[in-house]
Amino acid sequence: MDKKLNKELNKNFIIIPEHIAIIMDGNGRWAKKLGKNRTFGHLEGVKTADKIISYAEKIGIKFLSLYAFSTENWERSQTEVEFLMQIFKKKLEEAIARQKKRNIKFKVIGEKTRISNNILNLIHTLEEKTKFNTGMTLNIAFNYGSKSEIINSIKLIVNNLENKKINLQDINQENFNNYLYTKNQPSVDLLIRTGGEFRISNFLLWQIAYAELFFTKIFWPDFSEKDLDNAILEFNKRERRYGK
């Protein structure tokens, strides 16, 4: 655990969740509050994401999933969507350029439809270059929707059944995980949503079945390392009974 961690975390021998997922909400409202346009909020939100990724890596989080762009976000204005695509492309290029200096394993989860070939090629390059890294796994949910993920998983299972690659008896909850985008990853322990909304918004519905939920009114651009500490502290106060 990093020496710069919140003193309370160190003092109380806090358990760090293995898998944290974050719905990074509130960029647009944060910008509006300051009299700025939504694009300014997204730029600041990216800076916050970089900061939280680095901090999560330092304190020993093994899996971090960030909700960057949903399948429903295509309904936003064309100008905003194009801007978000430009940001994503730039961040992919930066991650590829820096990947030798970091031990993060990158995985972009979501549908590949409607995404430009240029971005798809960057995603493939980044995932290939980092697939053997042994540090934190970073899932970037981009063009992601959990219902679509589950439907896609069912189609893969049906295809395997038809081709006699599996039997009906092989289908169970554990094996179903192997058909999700998060294959070979543990379920989410802690789900954080910023921005004051109390919704899951179609994010990792299967994976968060027994996750602890933490909602905060803080808009994503203002979310800090200390705020992540506070969420982890709250996680440690919960009793996880899994229905027992």
C-alpha atoms as a PDB file:
ATOM      1  CA  MET A   1       0.000   0.000   0.000  1.00  0.00           C
ATOM      2  CA  ASP A   2       1.311   3.449  -0.881  1.00  0.00           C
ATOM      3  CA  LYS A   3       2.780   5.533   1.956  1.00  0.00           C
ATOM      4  CA  LYS A   4       0.812   8.580   0.823  1.00  0.00           C
ATOM      5  CA  LEU A   5      -2.495   6.855   1.454  1.00  0.00           C
ATOM      6  CA  ASN A   6      -5.027   8.580   3.626  1.00  0.00           C
ATOM      7  CA  LYS A   7      -3.772   8.226   7.227  1.00  0.00           C
ATOM      8  CA  GLU A   8      -7.046   6.693   8.327  1.00  0.00           C
ATOM      9  CA  LEU A   9      -6.655   3.931   5.745  1.00  0.00           C
ATOM     10  CA  ASN A  10      -3.204   3.041   7.055  1.00  0.00           C
ATOM     11  CA  LYS A  11      -4.215   3.314  10.692  1.00  0.00           C
ATOM     12  CA  ASN A  12      -7.188   0.975  10.470  1.00  0.00           C
ATOM     13  CA  PHE A  13      -5.680  -1.755   8.268  1.00  0.00           C
ATOM     14  CA  ILE A  14      -8.369  -1.159   5.681  1.00  0.00           C
ATOM     15  CA  ILE A  15      -9.219  -3.878   3.158  1.00  0.00           C
ATOM     16  CA  ILE A  16      -8.776  -2.568  -0.376  1.00  0.00           C
ATOM     17  CA  PRO A  17     -11.564  -3.838  -2.695  1.00  0.00           C
ATOM     18  CA  GLU A  18     -10.189  -6.093  -5.404  1.00  0.00           C
ATOM     19  CA  HIS A  19     -12.477  -4.686  -8.109  1.00  0.00           C
ATOM     20  CA  ILE A  20     -13.859  -1.137  -8.092  1.00  0.00           C
ATOM     21  CA  ALA A  21     -16.194   0.196 -10.787  1.00  0.00           C
ATOM     22  CA  ILE A  22     -16.967   3.885 -11.227  1.00  0.00           C
ATOM     23  CA  ILE A  23     -19.773   5.654 -13.079  1.00  0.00           C
ATOM     24  CA  MET A  24     -18.031   8.951 -13.813  1.00  0.00           C
ATOM     25  CA  ASP A  25     -21.046  11.254 -13.842  1.00  0.00           C
ATOM     26  CA  GLY A  26     -21.479  15.017 -13.681  1.00  0.00           C
ATOM     27  CA  ASN A  27     -19.014  16.503 -16.169  1.00  0.00           C
ATOM     28  CA  GLY A  28     -21.650  18.521 -18.012  1.00  0.00           C
ATOM     29  CA  ARG A  29     -23.429  19.793 -14.906  1.00  0.00           C
ATOM     30  CA  TRP A  30     -20.101  20.697 -13.305  1.00  0.00           C
ATOM     31  CA  ALA A  31     -19.190  22.801 -16.356  1.00  0.00           C
ATOM     32  CA  LYS A  32     -22.640  24.435 -16.501  1.00  0.00           C
ATOM     33  CA  LYS A  33     -22.303  25.418 -12.840  1.00  0.00           C
ATOM     34  CA  LEU A  34     -19.122  27.296 -13.773  1.00  0.00           C
ATOM     35  CA  GLY A  35     -20.707  28.921 -16.822  1.00  0.00           C
ATOM     36  CA  LYS A  36     -18.652  26.759 -19.183  1.00  0.00           C
ATOM     37  CA  ASN A  37     -19.724  24.436 -21.990  1.00  0.00           C
ATOM     38  CA  ARG A  38     -19.975  20.655 -21.607  1.00  0.00           C
ATOM     39  CA  THR A  39     -16.744  20.014 -23.503  1.00  0.00           C
ATOM     40  CA  PHE A  40     -14.805  21.842 -20.793  1.00  0.00           C
ATOM     41  CA  GLY A  41     -16.355  19.495 -18.242  1.00  0.00           C
ATOM     42  CA  HIS A  42     -15.306  16.435 -20.224  1.00  0.00           C
ATOM     43  CA  LEU A  43     -11.723  17.676 -20.467  1.00  0.00           C
ATOM     44  CA  GLU A  44     -11.569  18.158 -16.709  1.00  0.00           C
ATOM     45  CA  GLY A  45     -13.216  14.768 -16.236  1.00  0.00           C
ATOM     46  CA  VAL A  46     -10.414  13.125 -18.209  1.00  0.00           C
ATOM     47  CA  LYS A  47      -7.860  14.739 -15.901  1.00  0.00           C
ATOM     48  CA  THR A  48      -9.712  13.327 -12.907  1.00  0.00           C
ATOM     49  CA  ALA A  49      -9.789   9.876 -14.503  1.00  0.00           C
ATOM     50  CA  ASP A  50      -6.010   9.975 -15.014  1.00  0.00           C
ATOM     51  CA  LYS A  51      -5.521  10.998 -11.387  1.00  0.00           C
ATOM     52  CA  ILE A  52      -7.799   8.273  -9.998  1.00  0.00           C
ATOM     53  CA  ILE A  53      -6.256   5.591 -12.225  1.00  0.00           C
ATOM     54  CA  SER A  54      -2.777   6.424 -10.939  1.00  0.00           C
ATOM     55  CA  TYR A  55      -3.959   6.490  -7.334  1.00  0.00           C
ATOM     56  CA  ALA A  56      -5.892   3.229  -7.649  1.00  0.00           C
ATOM     57  CA  GLU A  57      -2.761   1.593  -9.035  1.00  0.00           C
ATOM     58  CA  LYS A  58      -0.685   2.889  -6.108  1.00  0.00           C
ATOM     59  CA  ILE A  59      -2.992   1.645  -3.362  1.00  0.00           C
ATOM     60  CA  GLY A  60      -3.240  -1.850  -4.772  1.00  0.00           C
ATOM     61  CA  ILE A  61      -6.598  -2.038  -6.546  1.00  0.00           C
ATOM     62  CA  LYS A  62      -6.309  -4.993  -8.928  1.00  0.00           C
ATOM     63  CA  PHE A  63      -9.257  -4.239 -11.222  1.00  0.00           C
ATOM     64  CA  LEU A  64     -10.696  -0.797 -12.016  1.00  0.00           C
ATOM     65  CA  SER A  65     -13.656  -0.360 -14.370  1.00  0.00           C
ATOM     66  CA  LEU A  66     -14.563   3.118 -15.611  1.00  0.00           C
ATOM     67  CA  TYR A  67     -17.792   3.928 -17.452  1.00  0.00           C
ATOM     68  CA  ALA A  68     -16.589   6.279 -20.185  1.00  0.00           C
ATOM     69  CA  PHE A  69     -19.259   6.155 -22.917  1.00  0.00           C
ATOM     70  CA  SER A  70     -22.523   4.223 -22.956  1.00  0.00           C
ATOM     71  CA  THR A  71     -24.497   2.869 -25.898  1.00  0.00           C
ATOM     72  CA  GLU A  72     -27.114   5.497 -25.002  1.00  0.00           C
ATOM     73  CA  ASN A  73     -24.619   8.371 -25.203  1.00  0.00           C
ATOM     74  CA  TRP A  74     -24.879   8.341 -29.004  1.00  0.00           C
ATOM     75  CA  GLU A  75     -28.169  10.215 -28.484  1.00  0.00           C
ATOM     76  CA  ARG A  76     -26.271  13.319 -27.375  1.00  0.00           C
ATOM     77  CA  SER A  77     -25.560  16.126 -29.826  1.00  0.00           C
ATOM     78  CA  GLN A  78     -23.306  15.277 -32.742  1.00  0.00           C
ATOM     79  CA  THR A  79     -20.844  17.950 -31.623  1.00  0.00           C
ATOM     80  CA  GLU A  80     -20.519  16.446 -28.147  1.00  0.00           C
ATOM     81  CA  VAL A  81     -20.221  12.873 -29.456  1.00  0.00           C
ATOM     82  CA  GLU A  82     -17.509  13.859 -31.930  1.00  0.00           C
ATOM     83  CA  PHE A  83     -15.646  15.669 -29.171  1.00  0.00           C
ATOM     84  CA  LEU A  84     -15.804  12.612 -26.905  1.00  0.00           C
ATOM     85  CA  MET A  85     -14.483  10.436 -29.744  1.00  0.00           C
ATOM     86  CA  GLN A  86     -11.557  12.830 -30.233  1.00  0.00           C
ATOM     87  CA  ILE A  87     -10.745  12.704 -26.526  1.00  0.00           C
ATOM     88  CA  PHE A  88     -10.891   8.908 -26.492  1.00  0.00           C
ATOM     89  CA  LYS A  89      -8.633   8.664 -29.547  1.00  0.00           C
ATOM     90  CA  LYS A  90      -6.103  11.000 -27.948  1.00  0.00           C
ATOM     91  CA  LYS A  91      -6.093   9.072 -24.664  1.00  0.00           C
ATOM     92  CA  LEU A  92      -5.599   5.777 -26.515  1.00  0.00           C
ATOM     93  CA  GLU A  93      -2.621   7.231 -28.362  1.00  0.00           C
ATOM     94  CA  GLU A  94      -1.149   8.523 -25.101  1.00  0.00           C
ATOM     95  CA  ALA A  95      -1.653   5.161 -23.394  1.00  0.00           C
ATOM     96  CA  ILE A  96       0.100   3.344 -26.252  1.00  0.00           C
ATOM     97  CA  ALA A  97       3.016   5.771 -26.121  1.00  0.00           C
ATOM     98  CA  ARG A  98       3.383   5.356 -22.346  1.00  0.00           C
ATOM     99  CA  GLN A  99       2.561   1.665 -21.984  1.00  0.00           C
ATOM    100  CA  LYS A 100       6.203   0.568 -21.594  1.00  0.00           C
ATOM    101  CA  LYS A 101       6.522   2.792 -18.513  1.00  0.00           C
ATOM    102  CA  ARG A 102       3.490   1.285 -16.781  1.00  0.00           C
ATOM    103  CA  ASN A 103       2.437  -2.234 -15.853  1.00  0.00           C
ATOM    104  CA  ILE A 104      -1.297  -1.648 -16.403  1.00  0.00           C
ATOM    105  CA  LYS A 105      -3.268  -4.153 -18.453  1.00  0.00           C
ATOM    106  CA  PHE A 106      -5.766  -2.244 -20.589  1.00  0.00           C
ATOM    107  CA  LYS A 107      -9.084  -3.675 -21.747  1.00  0.00           C
ATOM    108  CA  VAL A 108     -11.756  -1.741 -23.628  1.00  0.00           C
ATOM    109  CA  ILE A 109     -15.160  -3.340 -23.074  1.00  0.00           C
ATOM    110  CA  GLY A 110     -18.249  -2.631 -25.135  1.00  0.00           C
ATOM    111  CA  GLU A 111     -19.681  -2.983 -28.606  1.00  0.00           C
ATOM    112  CA  LYS A 112     -17.399  -2.418 -31.570  1.00  0.00           C
ATOM    113  CA  THR A 113     -20.202  -1.110 -33.814  1.00  0.00           C
ATOM    114  CA  ARG A 114     -20.360   2.591 -34.719  1.00  0.00           C
ATOM    115  CA  ILE A 115     -16.735   3.110 -33.672  1.00  0.00           C
ATOM    116  CA  SER A 116     -14.315   4.260 -36.384  1.00  0.00           C
ATOM    117  CA  ASN A 117     -11.709   1.824 -37.713  1.00  0.00           C
ATOM    118  CA  ASN A 118      -9.013   4.233 -36.571  1.00  0.00           C
ATOM    119  CA  ILE A 119     -10.146   3.974 -32.954  1.00  0.00           C
ATOM    120  CA  LEU A 120     -10.696   0.216 -33.226  1.00  0.00           C
ATOM    121  CA  ASN A 121      -7.109  -0.215 -34.441  1.00  0.00           C
ATOM    122  CA  LEU A 122      -5.825   1.829 -31.499  1.00  0.00           C
ATOM    123  CA  ILE A 123      -7.861  -0.278 -29.074  1.00  0.00           C
ATOM    124  CA  HIS A 124      -6.447  -3.479 -30.550  1.00  0.00           C
ATOM    125  CA  THR A 125      -2.888  -2.125 -30.398  1.00  0.00           C
ATOM    126  CA  LEU A 126      -3.198  -1.045 -26.771  1.00  0.00           C
ATOM    127  CA  GLU A 127      -4.744  -4.319 -25.638  1.00  0.00           C
ATOM    128  CA  GLU A 128      -2.139  -6.383 -27.471  1.00  0.00           C
ATOM    129  CA  LYS A 129       0.795  -4.397 -26.135  1.00  0.00           C
ATOM    130  CA  THR A 130      -0.407  -4.660 -22.535  1.00  0.00           C
ATOM    131  CA  LYS A 131      -2.017  -8.115 -22.422  1.00  0.00           C
ATOM    132  CA  PHE A 132       0.909  -9.670 -20.557  1.00  0.00           C
ATOM    133  CA  ASN A 133       1.212  -6.875 -18.001  1.00  0.00           C
ATOM    134  CA  THR A 134       0.799  -8.060 -14.426  1.00  0.00           C
ATOM    135  CA  GLY A 135      -0.302  -4.862 -12.697  1.00  0.00           C
ATOM    136  CA  MET A 136      -3.775  -3.404 -12.353  1.00  0.00           C
ATOM    137  CA  THR A 137      -6.329  -4.308 -15.029  1.00  0.00           C
ATOM    138  CA  LEU A 138      -8.079  -1.184 -16.286  1.00  0.00           C
ATOM    139  CA  ASN A 139     -11.436  -1.734 -17.989  1.00  0.00           C
ATOM    140  CA  ILE A 140     -12.596   1.216 -20.052  1.00  0.00           C
ATOM    141  CA  ALA A 141     -16.301   0.768 -20.794  1.00  0.00           C
ATOM    142  CA  PHE A 142     -16.726   2.512 -24.138  1.00  0.00           C
ATOM    143  CA  ASN A 143     -19.859   2.149 -26.261  1.00  0.00           C
ATOM    144  CA  TYR A 144     -20.925  -0.136 -23.446  1.00  0.00           C
ATOM    145  CA  GLY A 145     -24.343  -1.317 -22.330  1.00  0.00           C
ATOM    146  CA  SER A 146     -24.810  -4.194 -19.901  1.00  0.00           C
ATOM    147  CA  LYS A 147     -28.044  -5.472 -21.438  1.00  0.00           C
ATOM    148  CA  SER A 148     -26.314  -5.680 -24.824  1.00  0.00           C
ATOM    149  CA  GLU A 149     -23.386  -7.489 -23.194  1.00  0.00           C
ATOM    150  CA  ILE A 150     -25.703 -10.096 -21.676  1.00  0.00           C
ATOM    151  CA  ILE A 151     -27.593 -10.594 -24.950  1.00  0.00           C
ATOM    152  CA  ASN A 152     -24.270 -10.985 -26.773  1.00  0.00           C
ATOM    153  CA  SER A 153     -23.204 -13.589 -24.207  1.00  0.00           C
ATOM    154  CA  ILE A 154     -26.418 -15.554 -24.770  1.00  0.00           C
ATOM    155  CA  LYS A 155     -25.811 -15.544 -28.535  1.00  0.00           C
ATOM    156  CA  LEU A 156     -22.298 -16.913 -28.011  1.00  0.00           C
ATOM    157  CA  ILE A 157     -23.645 -19.671 -25.775  1.00  0.00           C
ATOM    158  CA  VAL A 158     -26.359 -20.604 -28.291  1.00  0.00           C
ATOM    159  CA  ASN A 159     -23.753 -20.704 -31.055  1.00  0.00           C
ATOM    160  CA  ASN A 160     -21.576 -23.044 -28.989  1.00  0.00           C
ATOM    161  CA  LEU A 161     -24.577 -25.246 -28.247  1.00  0.00           C
ATOM    162  CA  GLU A 162     -25.491 -25.471 -31.932  1.00  0.00           C
ATOM    163  CA  ASN A 163     -21.908 -26.359 -32.817  1.00  0.00           C
ATOM    164  CA  LYS A 164     -21.821 -28.923 -29.998  1.00  0.00           C
ATOM    165  CA  LYS A 165     -18.881 -27.178 -28.316  1.00  0.00           C
ATOM    166  CA  ILE A 166     -20.780 -27.284 -25.016  1.00  0.00           C
ATOM    167  CA  ASN A 167     -23.707 -29.179 -23.541  1.00  0.00           C
ATOM    168  CA  LEU A 168     -26.769 -27.690 -21.909  1.00  0.00           C
ATOM    169  CA  GLN A 169     -25.480 -28.970 -18.560  1.00  0.00           C
ATOM    170  CA  ASP A 170     -22.347 -26.847 -18.984  1.00  0.00           C
ATOM    171  CA  ILE A 171     -24.329 -23.625 -18.664  1.00  0.00           C
ATOM    172  CA  ASN A 172     -24.212 -22.242 -15.131  1.00  0.00           C
ATOM    173  CA  GLN A 173     -23.435 -18.934 -13.446  1.00  0.00           C
ATOM    174  CA  GLU A 174     -19.706 -19.561 -13.299  1.00  0.00           C
ATOM    175  CA  ASN A 175     -19.425 -20.508 -16.959  1.00  0.00           C
ATOM    176  CA  PHE A 176     -21.659 -17.624 -17.998  1.00  0.00           C
ATOM    177  CA  ASN A 177     -18.946 -15.273 -16.713  1.00  0.00           C
ATOM    178  CA  ASN A 178     -16.667 -16.630 -19.443  1.00  0.00           C
ATOM    179  CA  TYR A 179     -18.903 -15.100 -22.109  1.00  0.00           C
ATOM    180  CA  LEU A 180     -18.888 -11.589 -20.667  1.00  0.00           C
ATOM    181  CA  TYR A 181     -16.495  -8.799 -21.655  1.00  0.00           C
ATOM    182  CA  THR A 182     -14.948  -9.168 -18.193  1.00  0.00           C
ATOM    183  CA  LYS A 183     -14.002 -12.811 -18.698  1.00  0.00           C
ATOM    184  CA  ASN A 184     -11.503 -14.110 -16.112  1.00  0.00           C
ATOM    185  CA  GLN A 185     -12.107 -11.123 -13.845  1.00  0.00           C
ATOM    186  CA  PRO A 186     -13.671 -11.113 -10.367  1.00  0.00           C
ATOM    187  CA  SER A 187     -17.070  -9.587  -9.727  1.00  0.00           C
ATOM    188  CA  VAL A 188     -17.223  -5.934  -8.710  1.00  0.00           C
ATOM    189  CA  ASP A 189     -16.781  -5.367  -4.964  1.00  0.00           C
ATOM    190  CA  LEU A 190     -17.529  -1.633  -4.867  1.00  0.00           C
ATOM    191  CA  LEU A 191     -19.511   0.472  -7.334  1.00  0.00           C
ATOM    192  CA  ILE A 192     -19.107   4.245  -7.067  1.00  0.00           C
ATOM    193  CA  ARG A 193     -21.320   6.776  -8.822  1.00  0.00           C
ATOM    194  CA  THR A 194     -20.555  10.473  -8.728  1.00  0.00           C
ATOM    195  CA  GLY A 195     -22.856  13.359  -9.655  1.00  0.00           C
ATOM    196  CA  GLY A 196     -25.716  12.833  -7.216  1.00  0.00           C
ATOM    197  CA  GLU A 197     -27.778  10.392  -9.268  1.00  0.00           C
ATOM    198  CA  PHE A 198     -28.989   7.112  -7.736  1.00  0.00           C
ATOM    199  CA  ARG A 199     -29.017   4.894 -10.810  1.00  0.00           C
ATOM    200  CA  ILE A 200     -26.911   2.039 -12.206  1.00  0.00           C
ATOM    201  CA  SER A 201     -27.480   3.208 -15.812  1.00  0.00           C
ATOM    202  CA  ASN A 202     -27.011  -0.186 -17.485  1.00  0.00           C
ATOM    203  CA  PHE A 203     -23.467  -0.650 -16.156  1.00  0.00           C
ATOM    204  CA  LEU A 204     -22.078  -4.121 -15.362  1.00  0.00           C
ATOM    205  CA  LEU A 205     -25.465  -5.434 -14.215  1.00  0.00           C
ATOM    206  CA  TRP A 206     -24.294  -9.052 -13.930  1.00  0.00           C
ATOM    207  CA  GLN A 207     -20.935  -8.166 -12.392  1.00  0.00           C
ATOM    208  CA  ILE A 208     -22.342  -5.938  -9.621  1.00  0.00           C
ATOM    209  CA  ALA A 209     -24.939  -8.417  -8.335  1.00  0.00           C
ATOM    210  CA  TYR A 210     -23.377  -8.360  -4.845  1.00  0.00           C
ATOM    211  CA  ALA A 211     -21.360  -5.159  -5.050  1.00  0.00           C
ATOM    212  CA  GLU A 212     -21.559  -2.506  -2.375  1.00  0.00           C
ATOM    213  CA  LEU A 213     -23.012   0.707  -3.848  1.00  0.00           C
ATOM    214  CA  PHE A 214     -21.617   4.138  -2.998  1.00  0.00           C
ATOM    215  CA  PHE A 215     -23.300   7.306  -4.287  1.00  0.00           C
ATOM    216  CA  THR A 216     -21.893  10.793  -3.885  1.00  0.00           C
ATOM    217  CA  LYS A 217     -23.151  14.250  -4.908  1.00  0.00           C
ATOM    218  CA  ILE A 218     -19.625  15.244  -5.936  1.00  0.00           C
ATOM    219  CA  PHE A 219     -19.384  15.873  -9.675  1.00  0.00           C
ATOM    220  CA  TRP A 220     -16.731  13.733 -11.349  1.00  0.00           C
ATOM    221  CA  PRO A 221     -14.252  16.574 -12.133  1.00  0.00           C
ATOM    222  CA  ASP A 222     -14.116  17.348  -8.379  1.00  0.00           C
ATOM    223  CA  PHE A 223     -13.691  13.710  -7.294  1.00  0.00           C
ATOM    224  CA  SER A 224     -10.342  13.333  -5.529  1.00  0.00           C
ATOM    225  CA  GLU A 225      -8.054  10.674  -4.098  1.00  0.00           C
ATOM    226  CA  LYS A 226      -9.482  11.499  -0.669  1.00  0.00           C
ATOM    227  CA  ASP A 227     -12.988  10.880  -1.980  1.00  0.00           C
ATOM    228  CA  LEU A 228     -11.896   7.452  -3.185  1.00  0.00           C
ATOM    229  CA  ASP A 229     -10.421   6.812   0.271  1.00  0.00           C
ATOM    230  CA  ASN A 230     -13.764   7.741   1.827  1.00  0.00           C
ATOM    231  CA  ALA A 231     -15.618   5.329  -0.460  1.00  0.00           C
ATOM    232  CA  ILE A 232     -13.213   2.543   0.515  1.00  0.00           C
ATOM    233  CA  LEU A 233     -13.651   3.390   4.199  1.00  0.00           C
ATOM    234  CA  GLU A 234     -17.432   3.171   3.773  1.00  0.00           C
ATOM    235  CA  PHE A 235     -16.980  -0.169   1.975  1.00  0.00           C
ATOM    236  CA  ASN A 236     -15.139  -1.485   5.020  1.00  0.00           C
ATOM    237  CA  LYS A 237     -18.061  -0.566   7.281  1.00  0.00           C
ATOM    238  CA  ARG A 238     -20.434  -2.762   5.291  1.00  0.00           C
ATOM    239  CA  GLU A 239     -21.160  -6.369   6.227  1.00  0.00           C
ATOM    240  CA  ARG A 240     -21.177  -8.454   3.036  1.00  0.00           C
ATOM    241  CA  ARG A 241     -23.451 -11.427   3.730  1.00  0.00           C
ATOM    242  CA  TYR A 242     -24.217 -12.540   0.166  1.00  0.00           C
ATOM    243  CA  GLY A 243     -27.736 -13.484   1.196  1.00  0.00           C
ATOM    244  CA  LYS A 244     -26.623 -15.606   4.159  1.00  0.00           C
END
